[in-house]
Amino acid sequence: MNRIHELFKQKNKNILSVFFTAGFPKLNDTKIIALALEKAGADMIEIGIPFSDPVADGPVIQQSNKTALDNGMNMKLLLQQVAEIRKTVKLPIILMGYLNPVIQYGIEKFCVEAKQAGVDGLILPDLPLREYETEYKSFFQINDLLNIFLISPTTSDQRINEIDKASNAFIYAVSASSTTGSKTDLSNEQENYLQKLKEMKLKSPFLVGFGISNSTTFSKVCQYGAGAIVGSAFINLLKKTSSMEEDIYRFVKEMVKRETGNSY
């Protein structure tokens, strides 16, 4: 069974997925960060594929992309790093990025090598649903890679239902029609949107992303969905940390307010 399916079988509330960019802050930090996230109690790891033009991302993640590329990160090295991570880390691993680098690498080749490295799912926000279903779905399926679709407050109910029908993992519910990291709290409008999703009784669980920056926003969105995705707030931590493992441990525990147990 795919590790993402295993996670949602075991747990359907308060899931914490943490996003970070591969090769940031330093080229070989990817494995260190993944190991620390698992030890801290995160539920799922999203590793960003650095890209030169991450248009949906705010300045924090954009800068992490630039730093990673300047450090020498590329697709081949990223997949090698994931393979190293997978020797130890048991959490589901998702790669998230833009379609262009994947097409340049070769989608079929990418899917095969992602599977070999131990990747469980992919989030490619600019991969259209129809194009996925008609051209690429078979590559994903044969390699047991789950494709995660995004929806936003501007997505129509019809489109949400189409995405729900096509989903075989979870849906990434963007909390606002803005770039990542631009919101620090939920507005009434956002909460109404999440309440609508909850009431739609979708067959797929959804995780909420964009604007999840602390335990307050995390617990708030968990009232509606199965959990949340934290990105910019975590990247900010990585930017300024002087003790990475210790700070990651503290970040995760504070985010979900779980018992800390043994610390570093």
Protein backbone atom coordinates (compact mmCIF):
# COMPACT_ATOMS: atom_id res chain seq x y z
CA MET A 1 0.00 0.00 0.00
CA ASN A 2 1.19 3.50 -0.83
CA ARG A 3 2.48 5.29 2.29
CA ILE A 4 0.03 8.17 1.76
CA HIS A 5 -2.87 5.73 1.81
CA GLU A 6 -1.43 4.10 4.92
CA LEU A 7 -1.24 7.48 6.66
CA PHE A 8 -4.86 8.38 5.92
CA LYS A 9 -5.97 4.89 6.93
CA GLN A 10 -4.33 5.33 10.32
CA LYS A 11 -5.18 8.98 10.85
CA ASN A 12 -7.83 11.32 9.49
CA LYS A 13 -7.42 14.45 11.61
CA ASN A 14 -4.66 16.89 12.54
CA ILE A 15 -2.27 15.67 9.85
CA LEU A 16 0.79 17.88 9.55
CA SER A 17 2.59 17.95 6.20
CA VAL A 18 5.71 20.10 6.07
CA PHE A 19 7.11 21.60 2.88
CA PHE A 20 10.69 22.61 2.27
CA THR A 21 12.81 23.22 -0.81
CA ALA A 22 15.42 20.62 -1.74
CA GLY A 23 18.95 21.98 -1.44
CA PHE A 24 18.02 24.81 0.93
CA PRO A 25 19.56 26.37 2.97
CA LYS A 26 22.57 24.25 1.91
CA LEU A 27 22.80 21.71 -0.87
CA ASN A 28 23.01 18.64 1.37
CA ASP A 29 20.53 19.77 4.03
CA THR A 30 17.63 17.88 2.40
CA LYS A 31 18.32 14.62 4.24
CA ILE A 32 19.05 16.34 7.55
CA ILE A 33 15.72 18.20 7.41
CA ALA A 34 13.73 15.09 6.47
CA LEU A 35 15.24 13.06 9.31
CA ALA A 36 14.56 15.86 11.79
CA LEU A 37 10.93 16.20 10.65
CA GLU A 38 10.29 12.49 11.17
CA LYS A 39 11.90 12.55 14.61
CA ALA A 40 9.83 15.61 15.56
CA GLY A 41 6.56 13.92 14.66
CA ALA A 42 5.52 15.38 11.32
CA ASP A 43 3.12 13.14 9.39
CA MET A 44 4.21 13.78 5.83
CA ILE A 45 7.07 15.47 3.99
CA GLU A 46 6.76 17.62 0.88
CA ILE A 47 10.03 18.34 -0.88
CA GLY A 48 10.03 21.22 -3.33
CA ILE A 49 11.67 20.81 -6.73
CA PRO A 50 13.59 24.07 -7.23
CA PHE A 51 12.52 26.07 -10.26
CA SER A 52 13.70 29.41 -11.63
CA ASP A 53 10.20 30.87 -11.99
CA PRO A 54 7.94 29.66 -9.14
CA VAL A 55 5.08 32.03 -9.95
CA ALA A 56 2.56 30.68 -7.39
CA ASP A 57 4.99 31.11 -4.53
CA GLY A 58 5.62 34.15 -2.40
CA PRO A 59 9.01 35.75 -1.80
CA VAL A 60 10.07 33.34 0.97
CA ILE A 61 9.76 30.18 -1.14
CA GLN A 62 10.91 31.99 -4.28
CA GLN A 63 14.14 32.92 -2.53
CA SER A 64 14.62 29.37 -1.28
CA ASN A 65 14.29 28.17 -4.89
CA LYS A 66 16.95 30.61 -6.05
CA THR A 67 19.31 29.66 -3.21
CA ALA A 68 18.85 25.95 -3.93
CA LEU A 69 19.57 26.41 -7.64
CA ASP A 70 22.59 28.56 -6.83
CA ASN A 71 23.75 25.78 -4.51
CA GLY A 72 23.70 23.39 -7.47
CA MET A 73 20.46 21.49 -6.86
CA ASN A 74 19.02 19.68 -9.88
CA MET A 75 16.48 16.95 -10.52
CA LYS A 76 18.96 14.08 -10.67
CA LEU A 77 20.59 15.08 -7.38
CA LEU A 78 17.20 15.60 -5.75
CA LEU A 79 16.12 12.06 -6.62
CA GLN A 80 19.43 10.73 -5.31
CA GLN A 81 18.87 12.60 -2.05
CA VAL A 82 15.34 11.18 -1.73
CA ALA A 83 16.75 7.67 -2.21
CA GLU A 84 19.16 8.36 0.65
CA ILE A 85 16.35 9.73 2.82
CA ARG A 86 14.22 6.68 2.11
CA LYS A 87 16.83 4.37 3.62
CA THR A 88 15.86 5.74 7.01
CA VAL A 89 12.68 7.81 6.82
CA LYS A 90 9.36 5.96 6.75
CA LEU A 91 7.05 8.98 6.34
CA PRO A 92 5.22 9.56 3.04
CA ILE A 93 7.32 11.71 0.72
CA ILE A 94 5.73 13.99 -1.86
CA LEU A 95 7.62 15.97 -4.46
CA MET A 96 6.06 19.31 -5.28
CA GLY A 97 7.03 21.52 -8.16
CA TYR A 98 6.21 22.98 -11.53
CA LEU A 99 5.61 20.99 -14.67
CA ASN A 100 8.40 22.52 -16.77
CA PRO A 101 11.38 20.88 -15.01
CA VAL A 102 9.58 17.52 -15.02
CA ILE A 103 8.86 17.74 -18.76
CA GLN A 104 12.46 18.71 -19.42
CA TYR A 105 13.64 15.71 -17.42
CA GLY A 106 11.11 13.48 -19.19
CA ILE A 107 7.86 12.67 -17.40
CA GLU A 108 8.05 8.91 -17.89
CA LYS A 109 11.71 8.84 -16.79
CA PHE A 110 10.89 11.09 -13.85
CA CYS A 111 8.05 8.85 -12.67
CA VAL A 112 10.17 5.70 -12.91
CA GLU A 113 13.09 7.25 -11.02
CA ALA A 114 10.81 8.89 -8.44
CA LYS A 115 9.31 5.48 -7.69
CA GLN A 116 12.76 3.92 -7.44
CA ALA A 117 13.83 6.66 -5.03
CA GLY A 118 10.84 6.04 -2.76
CA VAL A 119 8.53 8.93 -3.66
CA ASP A 120 4.85 8.36 -2.86
CA GLY A 121 3.11 11.27 -4.52
CA LEU A 122 3.45 14.34 -6.71
CA ILE A 123 1.99 17.83 -6.61
CA LEU A 124 2.34 19.63 -9.94
CA PRO A 125 -0.01 22.62 -9.63
CA ASP A 126 0.24 23.62 -13.29
CA LEU A 127 -0.52 20.14 -14.65
CA PRO A 128 -4.09 20.42 -16.01
CA LEU A 129 -6.55 17.72 -14.99
CA ARG A 130 -7.45 16.78 -18.57
CA GLU A 131 -3.82 16.61 -19.66
CA TYR A 132 -3.00 14.43 -16.67
CA GLU A 133 -5.85 12.03 -17.41
CA THR A 134 -5.21 11.75 -21.16
CA GLU A 135 -1.41 11.83 -21.34
CA TYR A 136 0.32 11.13 -18.04
CA LYS A 137 -1.97 9.17 -15.73
CA SER A 138 -0.58 5.81 -16.82
CA PHE A 139 2.98 6.86 -15.93
CA PHE A 140 1.82 7.79 -12.43
CA GLN A 141 -0.25 4.67 -11.91
CA ILE A 142 2.31 2.11 -13.07
CA ASN A 143 4.81 3.64 -10.65
CA ASP A 144 2.36 3.89 -7.73
CA LEU A 145 2.68 7.67 -7.61
CA LEU A 146 -0.40 9.46 -6.32
CA ASN A 147 -1.22 12.75 -8.02
CA ILE A 148 -2.46 15.50 -5.72
CA PHE A 149 -4.64 18.22 -7.26
CA LEU A 150 -5.13 21.75 -5.97
CA ILE A 151 -8.35 23.67 -5.49
CA SER A 152 -8.84 27.27 -4.36
CA PRO A 153 -11.68 29.58 -3.28
CA THR A 154 -12.28 30.42 -6.95
CA THR A 155 -12.66 26.78 -8.01
CA SER A 156 -16.25 26.04 -9.01
CA ASP A 157 -18.23 23.31 -7.28
CA GLN A 158 -18.37 21.40 -10.55
CA ARG A 159 -14.60 21.54 -10.86
CA ILE A 160 -14.13 20.51 -7.23
CA ASN A 161 -16.30 17.47 -7.83
CA GLU A 162 -14.34 16.59 -10.98
CA ILE A 163 -11.07 16.81 -9.08
CA ASP A 164 -12.51 14.79 -6.22
CA LYS A 165 -13.54 12.06 -8.65
CA ALA A 166 -10.08 12.02 -10.25
CA SER A 167 -8.19 12.06 -6.94
CA ASN A 168 -6.69 8.92 -5.49
CA ALA A 169 -4.98 10.49 -2.48
CA PHE A 170 -5.98 13.80 -0.93
CA ILE A 171 -6.89 17.23 -2.27
CA TYR A 172 -4.69 20.24 -1.58
CA ALA A 173 -7.11 23.01 -0.61
CA VAL A 174 -5.43 26.37 -1.10
CA SER A 175 -6.90 28.64 1.55
CA ALA A 176 -6.64 31.86 -0.46
CA SER A 177 -6.26 32.97 -4.05
CA SER A 178 -2.83 34.43 -3.41
CA THR A 179 0.81 33.41 -3.36
CA THR A 180 2.26 31.28 -0.58
CA GLY A 181 3.21 32.98 2.65
CA SER A 182 1.09 36.09 2.05
CA LYS A 183 -1.53 35.38 4.73
CA THR A 184 -0.97 34.93 8.45
CA ASP A 185 -4.53 34.32 9.63
CA LEU A 186 -7.83 33.12 8.26
CA SER A 187 -10.52 35.56 7.21
CA ASN A 188 -14.23 34.88 7.60
CA GLU A 189 -14.37 34.38 3.84
CA GLN A 190 -11.69 31.69 4.01
CA GLU A 191 -13.44 29.92 6.86
CA ASN A 192 -16.70 29.97 4.89
CA TYR A 193 -14.87 28.39 1.95
CA LEU A 194 -13.41 25.63 4.15
CA GLN A 195 -16.81 25.06 5.75
CA LYS A 196 -18.28 24.65 2.27
CA LEU A 197 -15.66 22.03 1.42
CA LYS A 198 -16.42 20.19 4.64
CA GLU A 199 -20.13 20.17 3.88
CA MET A 200 -19.59 18.88 0.33
CA LYS A 201 -18.75 15.45 1.79
CA LEU A 202 -16.02 14.79 -0.77
CA LYS A 203 -14.77 11.23 -1.08
CA SER A 204 -11.20 12.51 -0.80
CA PRO A 205 -9.82 14.08 2.37
CA PHE A 206 -8.36 17.55 1.99
CA LEU A 207 -5.38 19.28 3.54
CA VAL A 208 -5.30 23.06 3.78
CA GLY A 209 -2.29 25.04 2.60
CA PHE A 210 -1.20 28.69 2.23
CA GLY A 211 -1.17 30.82 5.37
CA ILE A 212 -0.64 28.08 7.97
CA SER A 213 1.99 29.77 10.10
CA ASN A 214 1.39 28.77 13.72
CA SER A 215 -0.53 26.44 16.02
CA THR A 216 -3.57 28.73 15.97
CA THR A 217 -4.03 28.61 12.20
CA PHE A 218 -3.14 24.90 12.17
CA SER A 219 -5.77 23.97 14.73
CA LYS A 220 -8.33 26.24 13.08
CA VAL A 221 -8.08 24.66 9.62
CA CYS A 222 -8.05 21.18 11.18
CA GLN A 223 -11.63 21.85 12.25
CA TYR A 224 -12.56 21.67 8.58
CA GLY A 225 -10.07 19.39 6.83
CA ALA A 226 -7.90 16.40 7.67
CA GLY A 227 -4.89 18.58 8.35
CA ALA A 228 -2.64 21.26 7.00
CA ILE A 229 0.46 21.94 4.94
CA VAL A 230 3.07 24.31 6.35
CA GLY A 231 5.58 25.87 3.97
CA SER A 232 6.71 29.48 4.22
CA ALA A 233 6.80 29.51 8.03
CA PHE A 234 9.09 26.47 7.98
CA ILE A 235 11.33 27.95 5.27
CA ASN A 236 11.65 31.06 7.42
CA LEU A 237 12.80 28.88 10.30
CA LEU A 238 15.42 27.19 8.11
CA LYS A 239 16.67 30.59 6.96
CA LYS A 240 17.56 31.78 10.43
CA THR A 241 18.31 28.61 12.40
CA SER A 242 21.65 28.07 14.06
CA SER A 243 20.67 24.65 15.43
CA MET A 244 18.64 22.97 12.70
CA GLU A 245 17.59 19.68 14.31
CA GLU A 246 16.69 21.31 17.61
CA ASP A 247 14.72 24.13 16.00
CA ILE A 248 12.84 21.76 13.67
CA TYR A 249 11.88 19.61 16.63
CA ARG A 250 10.59 22.63 18.51
CA PHE A 251 8.77 23.99 15.43
CA VAL A 252 6.79 20.79 14.84
CA LYS A 253 5.90 20.31 18.49
CA GLU A 254 4.77 23.90 18.82
CA MET A 255 2.77 23.74 15.58
CA VAL A 256 0.67 20.78 16.63
CA LYS A 257 0.94 21.24 20.41
CA ARG A 258 1.84 17.60 20.92
CA GLU A 259 3.66 16.26 23.93
CA THR A 260 7.35 16.78 23.35
CA GLY A 261 8.72 13.70 25.09
CA ASN A 262 12.46 13.49 24.66
CA SER A 263 14.00 16.50 22.99
CA TYR A 264 17.44 17.16 21.62
